[in-house]
Amino acid sequence: MSYLAARREEEKERRRLEIIEAAEQLYAAKGWDALTMDQVARQARLSRALLYVYFRDKEDLLFAITERALDELRRRFEAAAAEHALGIDQVSAMGQAYALFQQERPFQFDACSRYHAHHALAGAPNEVACSAGGDAVMAVMVRSLVSGVADGSIRADLGEPIRVCVMLWAFSHGLIQIATNKSQEIARHGIEVGPFMEEGRARLRELLVPRGRG
């Protein structure tokens, strides 16, 4: 690649990143449903026509935001796992990191939720990148599950690690969604959100450890 071509690619990637960051700022402030492509164009200080050169539509832009969110979540999982020796403690730490991710980066958590709820398209590049990002997040959890079985801190009869990973994700995501969106409803039953989340993570841990271990 020539010097000029390389510079053009760098400029293109810089502009793309500026658009994503502008959209993230609006997402965090307004929510996704209220965000418009016109608002993103103004926030990024470019024309609406140029915005559509980079992103096909609003959903395509959501994919790009989600890719960054999944990369952030992967880094958080890796950092959480690195603080512990035993696989079970790594998995538990990732559960806490997931809840903290929702608290600290709610718009990114929402982006991931929207992405996972959407119907797959025909392999659009940003969508493919999201899929790869999700796989990278799960790979961190799978490594800790495999490590836990090897060191004896996780039951060896749980089955295929990727299946267990998806189940843990489903349970954890559900807990977070209930605690976030239904806090008043569960409070009506005398349940406090904080202890509810802690107990939920403890129950999940109990499912993973061999009998006789805590």
N, C-alpha and C. Protein backbone atom coordinates (compact mmCIF):
# COMPACT_ATOMS: atom_id res chain seq x y z
N MET A 1 0.84 -1.19 0.00
CA MET A 1 0.00 0.00 0.00
C MET A 1 0.89 1.25 0.00
N SER A 2 0.55 2.19 -0.85
CA SER A 2 1.33 3.42 -0.95
C SER A 2 1.10 4.30 0.28
N TYR A 3 1.98 5.27 0.44
CA TYR A 3 1.86 6.19 1.56
C TYR A 3 0.53 6.93 1.53
N LEU A 4 0.13 7.43 0.35
CA LEU A 4 -1.12 8.17 0.23
C LEU A 4 -2.33 7.29 0.52
N ALA A 5 -2.27 6.05 0.03
CA ALA A 5 -3.37 5.13 0.29
C ALA A 5 -3.48 4.81 1.78
N ALA A 6 -2.33 4.64 2.42
CA ALA A 6 -2.32 4.37 3.86
C ALA A 6 -2.90 5.55 4.63
N ARG A 7 -2.55 6.77 4.21
CA ARG A 7 -3.08 7.96 4.87
C ARG A 7 -4.59 8.06 4.69
N ARG A 8 -5.07 7.70 3.52
CA ARG A 8 -6.51 7.74 3.27
C ARG A 8 -7.24 6.74 4.17
N GLU A 9 -6.66 5.55 4.32
CA GLU A 9 -7.27 4.54 5.19
C GLU A 9 -7.27 5.00 6.65
N GLU A 10 -6.18 5.62 7.07
CA GLU A 10 -6.11 6.12 8.44
C GLU A 10 -7.16 7.21 8.67
N GLU A 11 -7.31 8.08 7.71
CA GLU A 11 -8.30 9.16 7.82
C GLU A 11 -9.71 8.58 7.84
N LYS A 12 -9.94 7.59 7.01
CA LYS A 12 -11.26 6.95 6.97
C LYS A 12 -11.59 6.29 8.29
N GLU A 13 -10.62 5.59 8.88
CA GLU A 13 -10.85 4.93 10.17
C GLU A 13 -11.03 5.96 11.28
N ARG A 14 -10.28 7.06 11.23
CA ARG A 14 -10.44 8.12 12.22
C ARG A 14 -11.83 8.71 12.16
N ARG A 15 -12.31 8.98 10.97
CA ARG A 15 -13.65 9.54 10.81
C ARG A 15 -14.71 8.55 11.29
N ARG A 16 -14.52 7.29 10.97
CA ARG A 16 -15.47 6.25 11.42
C ARG A 16 -15.54 6.22 12.95
N LEU A 17 -14.38 6.28 13.59
CA LEU A 17 -14.34 6.27 15.05
C LEU A 17 -15.01 7.49 15.63
N GLU A 18 -14.82 8.64 15.01
CA GLU A 18 -15.47 9.87 15.49
C GLU A 18 -16.98 9.74 15.41
N ILE A 19 -17.48 9.12 14.36
CA ILE A 19 -18.92 8.91 14.23
C ILE A 19 -19.44 8.01 15.35
N ILE A 20 -18.73 6.92 15.59
CA ILE A 20 -19.15 5.97 16.63
C ILE A 20 -19.15 6.65 17.99
N GLU A 21 -18.10 7.41 18.27
CA GLU A 21 -18.02 8.08 19.57
C GLU A 21 -19.11 9.13 19.72
N ALA A 22 -19.44 9.82 18.64
CA ALA A 22 -20.55 10.79 18.69
C ALA A 22 -21.87 10.07 18.98
N ALA A 23 -22.07 8.94 18.32
CA ALA A 23 -23.29 8.17 18.54
C ALA A 23 -23.35 7.64 19.96
N GLU A 24 -22.21 7.22 20.50
CA GLU A 24 -22.18 6.72 21.88
C GLU A 24 -22.56 7.80 22.87
N GLN A 25 -22.08 9.01 22.65
CA GLN A 25 -22.42 10.12 23.54
C GLN A 25 -23.93 10.38 23.53
N LEU A 26 -24.52 10.37 22.35
CA LEU A 26 -25.96 10.57 22.24
C LEU A 26 -26.73 9.40 22.84
N TYR A 27 -26.24 8.20 22.60
CA TYR A 27 -26.87 6.98 23.13
C TYR A 27 -26.92 7.08 24.65
N ALA A 28 -25.80 7.41 25.27
CA ALA A 28 -25.73 7.50 26.73
C ALA A 28 -26.65 8.58 27.27
N ALA A 29 -26.80 9.66 26.54
CA ALA A 29 -27.60 10.79 27.01
C ALA A 29 -29.09 10.64 26.73
N LYS A 30 -29.45 10.08 25.56
CA LYS A 30 -30.83 10.07 25.12
C LYS A 30 -31.48 8.68 25.12
N GLY A 31 -30.66 7.64 25.03
CA GLY A 31 -31.21 6.31 24.79
C GLY A 31 -31.26 6.04 23.30
N TRP A 32 -31.26 4.78 22.92
CA TRP A 32 -31.18 4.43 21.52
C TRP A 32 -32.42 4.81 20.73
N ASP A 33 -33.58 4.61 21.29
CA ASP A 33 -34.81 4.85 20.54
C ASP A 33 -34.97 6.33 20.17
N ALA A 34 -34.46 7.22 21.00
CA ALA A 34 -34.60 8.65 20.73
C ALA A 34 -33.50 9.18 19.81
N LEU A 35 -32.48 8.41 19.59
CA LEU A 35 -31.35 8.85 18.76
C LEU A 35 -31.72 8.77 17.29
N THR A 36 -31.28 9.77 16.51
CA THR A 36 -31.51 9.77 15.07
C THR A 36 -30.18 9.93 14.34
N MET A 37 -30.16 9.53 13.10
CA MET A 37 -28.95 9.67 12.30
C MET A 37 -28.62 11.14 12.07
N ASP A 38 -29.63 11.99 11.97
CA ASP A 38 -29.39 13.43 11.83
C ASP A 38 -28.64 13.97 13.05
N GLN A 39 -29.04 13.53 14.23
CA GLN A 39 -28.37 13.96 15.46
C GLN A 39 -26.92 13.50 15.47
N VAL A 40 -26.69 12.28 15.03
CA VAL A 40 -25.32 11.75 14.99
C VAL A 40 -24.47 12.58 14.03
N ALA A 41 -25.02 12.89 12.87
CA ALA A 41 -24.29 13.69 11.88
C ALA A 41 -23.90 15.05 12.46
N ARG A 42 -24.86 15.69 13.15
CA ARG A 42 -24.55 16.99 13.74
C ARG A 42 -23.51 16.87 14.85
N GLN A 43 -23.65 15.84 15.68
CA GLN A 43 -22.71 15.64 16.78
C GLN A 43 -21.29 15.39 16.25
N ALA A 44 -21.21 14.65 15.14
CA ALA A 44 -19.91 14.34 14.54
C ALA A 44 -19.42 15.44 13.60
N ARG A 45 -20.25 16.47 13.39
CA ARG A 45 -19.89 17.61 12.53
C ARG A 45 -19.59 17.19 11.10
N LEU A 46 -20.52 16.43 10.56
CA LEU A 46 -20.41 16.06 9.16
C LEU A 46 -21.80 16.00 8.55
N SER A 47 -21.85 15.86 7.25
CA SER A 47 -23.14 15.85 6.56
C SER A 47 -23.83 14.50 6.73
N ARG A 48 -25.15 14.54 6.61
CA ARG A 48 -25.92 13.30 6.68
C ARG A 48 -25.50 12.34 5.57
N ALA A 49 -25.23 12.89 4.39
CA ALA A 49 -24.82 12.05 3.26
C ALA A 49 -23.51 11.33 3.56
N LEU A 50 -22.56 12.02 4.18
CA LEU A 50 -21.28 11.39 4.50
C LEU A 50 -21.45 10.33 5.57
N LEU A 51 -22.36 10.57 6.50
CA LEU A 51 -22.62 9.57 7.55
C LEU A 51 -23.03 8.24 6.92
N TYR A 52 -23.87 8.31 5.88
CA TYR A 52 -24.34 7.09 5.25
C TYR A 52 -23.28 6.43 4.36
N VAL A 53 -22.20 7.10 4.12
CA VAL A 53 -21.07 6.46 3.44
C VAL A 53 -20.42 5.44 4.38
N TYR A 54 -20.44 5.77 5.67
CA TYR A 54 -19.78 4.92 6.66
C TYR A 54 -20.72 3.87 7.25
N PHE A 55 -22.00 4.22 7.40
CA PHE A 55 -22.95 3.29 8.01
C PHE A 55 -24.24 3.25 7.18
N ARG A 56 -24.63 2.06 6.84
CA ARG A 56 -25.77 1.85 5.95
C ARG A 56 -27.06 2.44 6.53
N ASP A 57 -27.27 2.25 7.84
CA ASP A 57 -28.46 2.74 8.51
C ASP A 57 -28.21 2.74 10.01
N LYS A 58 -29.24 3.04 10.78
CA LYS A 58 -29.10 3.13 12.22
C LYS A 58 -28.71 1.79 12.84
N GLU A 59 -29.26 0.71 12.29
CA GLU A 59 -28.93 -0.61 12.82
C GLU A 59 -27.46 -0.94 12.57
N ASP A 60 -26.96 -0.58 11.42
CA ASP A 60 -25.55 -0.81 11.11
C ASP A 60 -24.66 -0.06 12.09
N LEU A 61 -25.08 1.14 12.47
CA LEU A 61 -24.34 1.92 13.45
C LEU A 61 -24.40 1.24 14.82
N LEU A 62 -25.55 0.66 15.14
CA LEU A 62 -25.67 -0.07 16.41
C LEU A 62 -24.68 -1.23 16.47
N PHE A 63 -24.49 -1.91 15.34
CA PHE A 63 -23.52 -3.01 15.32
C PHE A 63 -22.12 -2.51 15.67
N ALA A 64 -21.75 -1.37 15.12
CA ALA A 64 -20.42 -0.82 15.39
C ALA A 64 -20.26 -0.45 16.86
N ILE A 65 -21.31 0.11 17.44
CA ILE A 65 -21.28 0.44 18.87
C ILE A 65 -21.19 -0.83 19.70
N THR A 66 -21.92 -1.84 19.30
CA THR A 66 -21.92 -3.10 20.04
C THR A 66 -20.57 -3.80 19.96
N GLU A 67 -19.92 -3.71 18.82
CA GLU A 67 -18.59 -4.31 18.71
C GLU A 67 -17.65 -3.71 19.75
N ARG A 68 -17.69 -2.40 19.90
CA ARG A 68 -16.84 -1.74 20.91
C ARG A 68 -17.26 -2.14 22.32
N ALA A 69 -18.56 -2.29 22.54
CA ALA A 69 -19.04 -2.70 23.86
C ALA A 69 -18.56 -4.11 24.21
N LEU A 70 -18.61 -5.01 23.24
CA LEU A 70 -18.17 -6.38 23.48
C LEU A 70 -16.67 -6.44 23.72
N ASP A 71 -15.93 -5.58 23.04
CA ASP A 71 -14.49 -5.53 23.27
C ASP A 71 -14.18 -5.05 24.68
N GLU A 72 -14.94 -4.06 25.14
CA GLU A 72 -14.79 -3.57 26.51
C GLU A 72 -15.13 -4.67 27.51
N LEU A 73 -16.21 -5.40 27.25
CA LEU A 73 -16.61 -6.48 28.16
C LEU A 73 -15.56 -7.58 28.19
N ARG A 74 -14.98 -7.91 27.04
CA ARG A 74 -13.91 -8.92 27.00
C ARG A 74 -12.74 -8.50 27.86
N ARG A 75 -12.33 -7.25 27.75
CA ARG A 75 -11.21 -6.77 28.55
C ARG A 75 -11.53 -6.85 30.04
N ARG A 76 -12.75 -6.53 30.39
CA ARG A 76 -13.15 -6.61 31.80
C ARG A 76 -13.13 -8.06 32.29
N PHE A 77 -13.59 -8.98 31.47
CA PHE A 77 -13.57 -10.39 31.85
C PHE A 77 -12.14 -10.88 32.02
N GLU A 78 -11.28 -10.52 31.09
CA GLU A 78 -9.88 -10.95 31.17
C GLU A 78 -9.23 -10.40 32.44
N ALA A 79 -9.50 -9.13 32.76
CA ALA A 79 -8.93 -8.53 33.97
C ALA A 79 -9.46 -9.21 35.22
N ALA A 80 -10.75 -9.52 35.23
CA ALA A 80 -11.35 -10.19 36.39
C ALA A 80 -10.76 -11.58 36.58
N ALA A 81 -10.61 -12.32 35.49
CA ALA A 81 -10.07 -13.69 35.58
C ALA A 81 -8.62 -13.68 36.02
N ALA A 82 -7.87 -12.66 35.60
CA ALA A 82 -6.44 -12.60 35.91
C ALA A 82 -6.17 -12.41 37.40
N GLU A 83 -7.16 -12.00 38.15
CA GLU A 83 -6.97 -11.75 39.58
C GLU A 83 -7.13 -13.01 40.43
N HIS A 84 -7.48 -14.13 39.80
CA HIS A 84 -7.75 -15.35 40.58
C HIS A 84 -7.05 -16.56 39.97
N ALA A 85 -6.68 -17.49 40.83
CA ALA A 85 -5.99 -18.70 40.38
C ALA A 85 -6.96 -19.80 39.98
N LEU A 86 -7.99 -20.01 40.80
CA LEU A 86 -8.93 -21.10 40.56
C LEU A 86 -9.98 -20.71 39.52
N GLY A 87 -10.35 -21.68 38.70
CA GLY A 87 -11.35 -21.43 37.66
C GLY A 87 -12.68 -20.96 38.21
N ILE A 88 -13.14 -21.53 39.31
CA ILE A 88 -14.44 -21.15 39.87
C ILE A 88 -14.43 -19.69 40.31
N ASP A 89 -13.29 -19.24 40.87
CA ASP A 89 -13.19 -17.84 41.30
C ASP A 89 -13.13 -16.91 40.10
N GLN A 90 -12.52 -17.36 39.03
CA GLN A 90 -12.47 -16.57 37.81
C GLN A 90 -13.88 -16.38 37.24
N VAL A 91 -14.66 -17.47 37.21
CA VAL A 91 -16.02 -17.40 36.69
C VAL A 91 -16.88 -16.48 37.55
N SER A 92 -16.74 -16.61 38.87
CA SER A 92 -17.50 -15.74 39.78
C SER A 92 -17.13 -14.28 39.58
N ALA A 93 -15.84 -14.02 39.41
CA ALA A 93 -15.38 -12.65 39.21
C ALA A 93 -15.93 -12.08 37.91
N MET A 94 -16.05 -12.90 36.90
CA MET A 94 -16.62 -12.43 35.63
C MET A 94 -18.11 -12.10 35.79
N GLY A 95 -18.80 -12.86 36.63
CA GLY A 95 -20.20 -12.54 36.89
C GLY A 95 -20.35 -11.18 37.54
N GLN A 96 -19.47 -10.88 38.48
CA GLN A 96 -19.48 -9.57 39.12
C GLN A 96 -19.10 -8.47 38.12
N ALA A 97 -18.13 -8.78 37.26
CA ALA A 97 -17.70 -7.81 36.25
C ALA A 97 -18.82 -7.50 35.27
N TYR A 98 -19.64 -8.49 34.97
CA TYR A 98 -20.76 -8.29 34.05
C TYR A 98 -21.79 -7.34 34.66
N ALA A 99 -22.09 -7.55 35.96
CA ALA A 99 -23.03 -6.66 36.64
C ALA A 99 -22.47 -5.24 36.72
N LEU A 100 -21.18 -5.12 36.98
CA LEU A 100 -20.56 -3.80 37.06
C LEU A 100 -20.53 -3.11 35.70
N PHE A 101 -20.36 -3.91 34.66
CA PHE A 101 -20.40 -3.38 33.28
C PHE A 101 -21.74 -2.71 33.02
N GLN A 102 -22.82 -3.36 33.45
CA GLN A 102 -24.15 -2.78 33.25
C GLN A 102 -24.31 -1.49 34.05
N GLN A 103 -23.77 -1.45 35.25
CA GLN A 103 -23.90 -0.27 36.10
C GLN A 103 -23.09 0.91 35.56
N GLU A 104 -21.88 0.62 35.11
CA GLU A 104 -20.97 1.68 34.68
C GLU A 104 -21.17 2.09 33.23
N ARG A 105 -21.58 1.15 32.39
CA ARG A 105 -21.75 1.42 30.96
C ARG A 105 -23.13 0.93 30.50
N PRO A 106 -24.20 1.49 31.07
CA PRO A 106 -25.54 0.98 30.77
C PRO A 106 -25.89 1.03 29.29
N PHE A 107 -25.42 2.06 28.56
CA PHE A 107 -25.76 2.13 27.14
C PHE A 107 -25.07 1.02 26.36
N GLN A 108 -23.86 0.63 26.77
CA GLN A 108 -23.18 -0.48 26.10
C GLN A 108 -23.87 -1.80 26.41
N PHE A 109 -24.30 -1.97 27.65
CA PHE A 109 -25.06 -3.17 28.01
C PHE A 109 -26.34 -3.25 27.18
N ASP A 110 -27.00 -2.11 27.04
CA ASP A 110 -28.23 -2.06 26.25
C ASP A 110 -27.95 -2.38 24.79
N ALA A 111 -26.83 -1.87 24.27
CA ALA A 111 -26.48 -2.16 22.88
C ALA A 111 -26.29 -3.65 22.66
N CYS A 112 -25.60 -4.29 23.60
CA CYS A 112 -25.39 -5.74 23.49
C CYS A 112 -26.73 -6.47 23.54
N SER A 113 -27.63 -6.04 24.42
CA SER A 113 -28.94 -6.68 24.54
C SER A 113 -29.73 -6.53 23.24
N ARG A 114 -29.67 -5.35 22.65
CA ARG A 114 -30.40 -5.13 21.39
C ARG A 114 -29.80 -5.97 20.27
N TYR A 115 -28.48 -6.05 20.24
CA TYR A 115 -27.84 -6.85 19.20
C TYR A 115 -28.25 -8.31 19.31
N HIS A 116 -28.23 -8.86 20.52
CA HIS A 116 -28.55 -10.27 20.69
C HIS A 116 -30.02 -10.57 20.41
N ALA A 117 -30.86 -9.53 20.47
CA ALA A 117 -32.29 -9.73 20.21
C ALA A 117 -32.65 -9.57 18.73
N HIS A 118 -31.72 -9.05 17.93
CA HIS A 118 -32.06 -8.75 16.53
C HIS A 118 -32.03 -10.03 15.70
N HIS A 119 -32.68 -9.99 14.55
CA HIS A 119 -32.68 -11.11 13.62
C HIS A 119 -31.47 -10.98 12.69
N ALA A 120 -30.70 -12.05 12.56
CA ALA A 120 -29.46 -12.01 11.77
C ALA A 120 -29.73 -11.57 10.34
N LEU A 121 -28.81 -10.77 9.83
CA LEU A 121 -28.89 -10.31 8.45
C LEU A 121 -27.95 -11.15 7.58
N ALA A 122 -27.65 -10.63 6.41
CA ALA A 122 -26.85 -11.41 5.45
C ALA A 122 -25.35 -11.10 5.60
N GLY A 123 -24.86 -11.19 6.80
CA GLY A 123 -23.41 -11.08 7.00
C GLY A 123 -22.84 -9.71 6.74
N ALA A 124 -23.54 -8.64 7.16
CA ALA A 124 -22.99 -7.29 7.02
C ALA A 124 -21.70 -7.21 7.84
N PRO A 125 -20.69 -6.48 7.36
CA PRO A 125 -19.39 -6.46 8.03
C PRO A 125 -19.45 -6.10 9.51
N ASN A 126 -20.21 -5.07 9.88
CA ASN A 126 -20.29 -4.69 11.29
C ASN A 126 -21.01 -5.74 12.12
N GLU A 127 -21.95 -6.42 11.51
CA GLU A 127 -22.66 -7.49 12.20
C GLU A 127 -21.72 -8.68 12.42
N VAL A 128 -20.92 -9.01 11.43
CA VAL A 128 -19.95 -10.09 11.56
C VAL A 128 -18.94 -9.78 12.66
N ALA A 129 -18.54 -8.51 12.74
CA ALA A 129 -17.60 -8.09 13.78
C ALA A 129 -18.21 -8.25 15.16
N CYS A 130 -19.51 -7.98 15.30
CA CYS A 130 -20.20 -8.19 16.57
C CYS A 130 -20.19 -9.66 16.95
N SER A 131 -20.47 -10.52 15.99
CA SER A 131 -20.47 -11.95 16.24
C SER A 131 -19.11 -12.42 16.73
N ALA A 132 -18.05 -11.93 16.08
CA ALA A 132 -16.70 -12.29 16.49
C ALA A 132 -16.39 -11.75 17.90
N GLY A 133 -16.88 -10.54 18.19
CA GLY A 133 -16.67 -9.96 19.51
C GLY A 133 -17.36 -10.76 20.59
N GLY A 134 -18.57 -11.22 20.31
CA GLY A 134 -19.28 -12.06 21.26
C GLY A 134 -18.57 -13.37 21.50
N ASP A 135 -18.05 -13.96 20.43
CA ASP A 135 -17.30 -15.21 20.56
C ASP A 135 -16.06 -15.01 21.43
N ALA A 136 -15.41 -13.85 21.28
CA ALA A 136 -14.20 -13.58 22.07
C ALA A 136 -14.53 -13.45 23.55
N VAL A 137 -15.68 -12.84 23.87
CA VAL A 137 -16.11 -12.74 25.27
C VAL A 137 -16.35 -14.13 25.85
N MET A 138 -17.08 -14.96 25.10
CA MET A 138 -17.39 -16.30 25.60
C MET A 138 -16.14 -17.16 25.73
N ALA A 139 -15.16 -16.92 24.86
CA ALA A 139 -13.93 -17.70 24.92
C ALA A 139 -13.21 -17.49 26.25
N VAL A 140 -13.29 -16.27 26.80
CA VAL A 140 -12.67 -16.01 28.10
C VAL A 140 -13.33 -16.86 29.17
N MET A 141 -14.65 -16.91 29.17
CA MET A 141 -15.39 -17.71 30.14
C MET A 141 -15.12 -19.19 29.95
N VAL A 142 -15.09 -19.63 28.71
CA VAL A 142 -14.84 -21.05 28.44
C VAL A 142 -13.47 -21.47 28.97
N ARG A 143 -12.46 -20.63 28.78
CA ARG A 143 -11.12 -20.96 29.29
C ARG A 143 -11.14 -21.14 30.81
N SER A 144 -11.89 -20.29 31.50
CA SER A 144 -11.95 -20.40 32.95
C SER A 144 -12.74 -21.64 33.38
N LEU A 145 -13.77 -21.99 32.65
CA LEU A 145 -14.51 -23.21 32.95
C LEU A 145 -13.61 -24.44 32.78
N VAL A 146 -12.88 -24.47 31.68
CA VAL A 146 -11.96 -25.59 31.43
C VAL A 146 -10.88 -25.63 32.50
N SER A 147 -10.36 -24.47 32.86
CA SER A 147 -9.34 -24.39 33.91
C SER A 147 -9.90 -24.87 35.24
N GLY A 148 -11.14 -24.50 35.54
CA GLY A 148 -11.76 -24.92 36.80
C GLY A 148 -11.97 -26.42 36.88
N VAL A 149 -12.35 -27.03 35.80
CA VAL A 149 -12.48 -28.49 35.78
C VAL A 149 -11.12 -29.13 36.01
N ALA A 150 -10.09 -28.58 35.38
CA ALA A 150 -8.74 -29.13 35.51
C ALA A 150 -8.20 -28.99 36.93
N ASP A 151 -8.49 -27.86 37.60
CA ASP A 151 -7.96 -27.67 38.95
C ASP A 151 -8.88 -28.21 40.04
N GLY A 152 -10.04 -28.75 39.63
CA GLY A 152 -10.94 -29.39 40.57
C GLY A 152 -11.92 -28.45 41.26
N SER A 153 -11.91 -27.17 40.90
CA SER A 153 -12.82 -26.23 41.56
C SER A 153 -14.19 -26.19 40.89
N ILE A 154 -14.31 -26.78 39.70
CA ILE A 154 -15.58 -26.84 38.97
C ILE A 154 -15.89 -28.30 38.66
N ARG A 155 -17.14 -28.65 38.77
CA ARG A 155 -17.58 -30.03 38.51
C ARG A 155 -17.17 -30.49 37.11
N ALA A 156 -16.73 -31.72 37.04
CA ALA A 156 -16.29 -32.27 35.75
C ALA A 156 -17.46 -32.82 34.93
N ASP A 157 -18.65 -32.92 35.54
CA ASP A 157 -19.79 -33.54 34.86
C ASP A 157 -20.78 -32.51 34.32
N LEU A 158 -20.33 -31.26 34.18
CA LEU A 158 -21.25 -30.22 33.72
C LEU A 158 -21.59 -30.34 32.24
N GLY A 159 -20.69 -30.94 31.48
CA GLY A 159 -20.92 -31.05 30.05
C GLY A 159 -20.04 -30.11 29.25
N GLU A 160 -20.42 -29.88 28.01
CA GLU A 160 -19.61 -29.08 27.10
C GLU A 160 -19.46 -27.65 27.62
N PRO A 161 -18.24 -27.16 27.76
CA PRO A 161 -18.02 -25.83 28.34
C PRO A 161 -18.78 -24.70 27.64
N ILE A 162 -18.87 -24.74 26.32
CA ILE A 162 -19.55 -23.65 25.62
C ILE A 162 -21.03 -23.63 25.96
N ARG A 163 -21.63 -24.80 26.17
CA ARG A 163 -23.04 -24.85 26.56
C ARG A 163 -23.22 -24.27 27.96
N VAL A 164 -22.30 -24.63 28.86
CA VAL A 164 -22.36 -24.09 30.22
C VAL A 164 -22.17 -22.58 30.19
N CYS A 165 -21.25 -22.11 29.35
CA CYS A 165 -21.00 -20.68 29.22
C CYS A 165 -22.27 -19.95 28.79
N VAL A 166 -22.97 -20.46 27.80
CA VAL A 166 -24.19 -19.81 27.31
C VAL A 166 -25.27 -19.81 28.40
N MET A 167 -25.36 -20.90 29.15
CA MET A 167 -26.34 -20.96 30.23
C MET A 167 -26.03 -19.94 31.31
N LEU A 168 -24.75 -19.83 31.69
CA LEU A 168 -24.35 -18.85 32.70
C LEU A 168 -24.64 -17.43 32.21
N TRP A 169 -24.38 -17.19 30.96
CA TRP A 169 -24.68 -15.88 30.37
C TRP A 169 -26.18 -15.59 30.46
N ALA A 170 -27.00 -16.59 30.09
CA ALA A 170 -28.45 -16.40 30.12
C ALA A 170 -28.94 -16.13 31.54
N PHE A 171 -28.46 -16.90 32.50
CA PHE A 171 -28.88 -16.71 33.89
C PHE A 171 -28.43 -15.33 34.40
N SER A 172 -27.16 -14.99 34.15
CA SER A 172 -26.61 -13.72 34.64
C SER A 172 -27.30 -12.53 34.00
N HIS A 173 -27.52 -12.62 32.69
CA HIS A 173 -28.18 -11.52 31.98
C HIS A 173 -29.60 -11.33 32.51
N GLY A 174 -30.28 -12.44 32.76
CA GLY A 174 -31.63 -12.36 33.29
C GLY A 174 -31.67 -11.72 34.67
N LEU A 175 -30.73 -12.10 35.52
CA LEU A 175 -30.66 -11.50 36.85
C LEU A 175 -30.47 -9.99 36.77
N ILE A 176 -29.55 -9.58 35.92
CA ILE A 176 -29.26 -8.16 35.78
C ILE A 176 -30.47 -7.41 35.23
N GLN A 177 -31.13 -8.00 34.24
CA GLN A 177 -32.30 -7.34 33.65
C GLN A 177 -33.42 -7.18 34.67
N ILE A 178 -33.66 -8.23 35.45
CA ILE A 178 -34.71 -8.15 36.48
C ILE A 178 -34.36 -7.10 37.52
N ALA A 179 -33.10 -7.13 37.99
CA ALA A 179 -32.68 -6.18 39.01
C ALA A 179 -32.74 -4.74 38.50
N THR A 180 -32.47 -4.56 37.22
CA THR A 180 -32.44 -3.22 36.64
C THR A 180 -33.83 -2.70 36.28
N ASN A 181 -34.60 -3.54 35.63
CA ASN A 181 -35.87 -3.09 35.07
C ASN A 181 -37.08 -3.35 35.96
N LYS A 182 -36.93 -4.24 36.93
CA LYS A 182 -38.06 -4.62 37.77
C LYS A 182 -37.76 -4.43 39.25
N SER A 183 -36.90 -3.47 39.56
CA SER A 183 -36.50 -3.28 40.96
C SER A 183 -37.69 -2.93 41.85
N GLN A 184 -38.60 -2.10 41.36
CA GLN A 184 -39.76 -1.74 42.17
C GLN A 184 -40.70 -2.92 42.35
N GLU A 185 -40.81 -3.72 41.31
CA GLU A 185 -41.69 -4.90 41.40
C GLU A 185 -41.17 -5.90 42.42
N ILE A 186 -39.87 -6.19 42.38
CA ILE A 186 -39.35 -7.17 43.34
C ILE A 186 -39.29 -6.57 44.74
N ALA A 187 -39.14 -5.24 44.85
CA ALA A 187 -39.17 -4.59 46.16
C ALA A 187 -40.54 -4.74 46.80
N ARG A 188 -41.58 -4.79 45.97
CA ARG A 188 -42.94 -4.96 46.47
C ARG A 188 -43.10 -6.28 47.20
N HIS A 189 -42.20 -7.23 46.87
CA HIS A 189 -42.21 -8.54 47.53
C HIS A 189 -41.19 -8.61 48.67
N GLY A 190 -40.66 -7.45 49.03
CA GLY A 190 -39.72 -7.41 50.14
C GLY A 190 -38.31 -7.85 49.77
N ILE A 191 -37.96 -7.79 48.48
CA ILE A 191 -36.64 -8.25 48.02
C ILE A 191 -35.79 -7.03 47.65
N GLU A 192 -34.64 -6.90 48.28
CA GLU A 192 -33.71 -5.82 47.97
C GLU A 192 -32.81 -6.23 46.81
N VAL A 193 -32.55 -5.29 45.92
CA VAL A 193 -31.81 -5.60 44.70
C VAL A 193 -30.40 -6.09 44.99
N GLY A 194 -29.67 -5.40 45.86
CA GLY A 194 -28.28 -5.79 46.14
C GLY A 194 -28.15 -7.22 46.64
N PRO A 195 -28.82 -7.56 47.75
CA PRO A 195 -28.77 -8.95 48.23
C PRO A 195 -29.31 -9.96 47.22
N PHE A 196 -30.30 -9.54 46.44
CA PHE A 196 -30.86 -10.43 45.41
C PHE A 196 -29.79 -10.82 44.39
N MET A 197 -29.01 -9.83 43.94
CA MET A 197 -27.95 -10.10 42.98
C MET A 197 -26.87 -10.98 43.59
N GLU A 198 -26.49 -10.69 44.82
CA GLU A 198 -25.45 -11.49 45.49
C GLU A 198 -25.91 -12.94 45.65
N GLU A 199 -27.14 -13.12 46.05
CA GLU A 199 -27.66 -14.48 46.22
C GLU A 199 -27.74 -15.20 44.88
N GLY A 200 -28.13 -14.47 43.85
CA GLY A 200 -28.20 -15.09 42.53
C GLY A 200 -26.84 -15.59 42.08
N ARG A 201 -25.80 -14.78 42.26
CA ARG A 201 -24.45 -15.21 41.89
C ARG A 201 -24.00 -16.39 42.74
N ALA A 202 -24.39 -16.38 44.02
CA ALA A 202 -24.02 -17.49 44.90
C ALA A 202 -24.69 -18.79 44.45
N ARG A 203 -25.93 -18.69 44.02
CA ARG A 203 -26.65 -19.88 43.53
C ARG A 203 -25.99 -20.44 42.28
N LEU A 204 -25.60 -19.56 41.40
CA LEU A 204 -24.92 -20.02 40.18
C LEU A 204 -23.61 -20.70 40.52
N ARG A 205 -22.89 -20.15 41.49
CA ARG A 205 -21.63 -20.76 41.92
C ARG A 205 -21.87 -22.16 42.47
N GLU A 206 -22.93 -22.30 43.26
CA GLU A 206 -23.25 -23.60 43.84
C GLU A 206 -23.49 -24.65 42.76
N LEU A 207 -24.04 -24.24 41.64
CA LEU A 207 -24.29 -25.19 40.55
C LEU A 207 -23.00 -25.70 39.92
N LEU A 208 -21.92 -24.91 40.04
CA LEU A 208 -20.67 -25.23 39.36
C LEU A 208 -19.70 -26.05 40.21
N VAL A 209 -19.72 -25.83 41.53
CA VAL A 209 -18.70 -26.46 42.37
C VAL A 209 -19.01 -27.94 42.60
N PRO A 210 -17.98 -28.76 42.75
CA PRO A 210 -18.20 -30.18 43.08
C PRO A 210 -18.91 -30.29 44.42
N ARG A 211 -19.64 -31.37 44.62
CA ARG A 211 -20.33 -31.57 45.88
C ARG A 211 -19.33 -31.59 47.03
N GLY A 212 -19.70 -30.92 48.11
CA GLY A 212 -18.83 -30.90 49.27
C GLY A 212 -17.88 -29.73 49.29
N ARG A 213 -17.86 -28.92 48.19
CA ARG A 213 -16.99 -27.74 48.14
C ARG A 213 -17.84 -26.49 48.07
N GLY A 214 -17.30 -25.39 48.59
CA GLY A 214 -18.05 -24.13 48.60
C GLY A 214 -17.39 -23.10 47.72
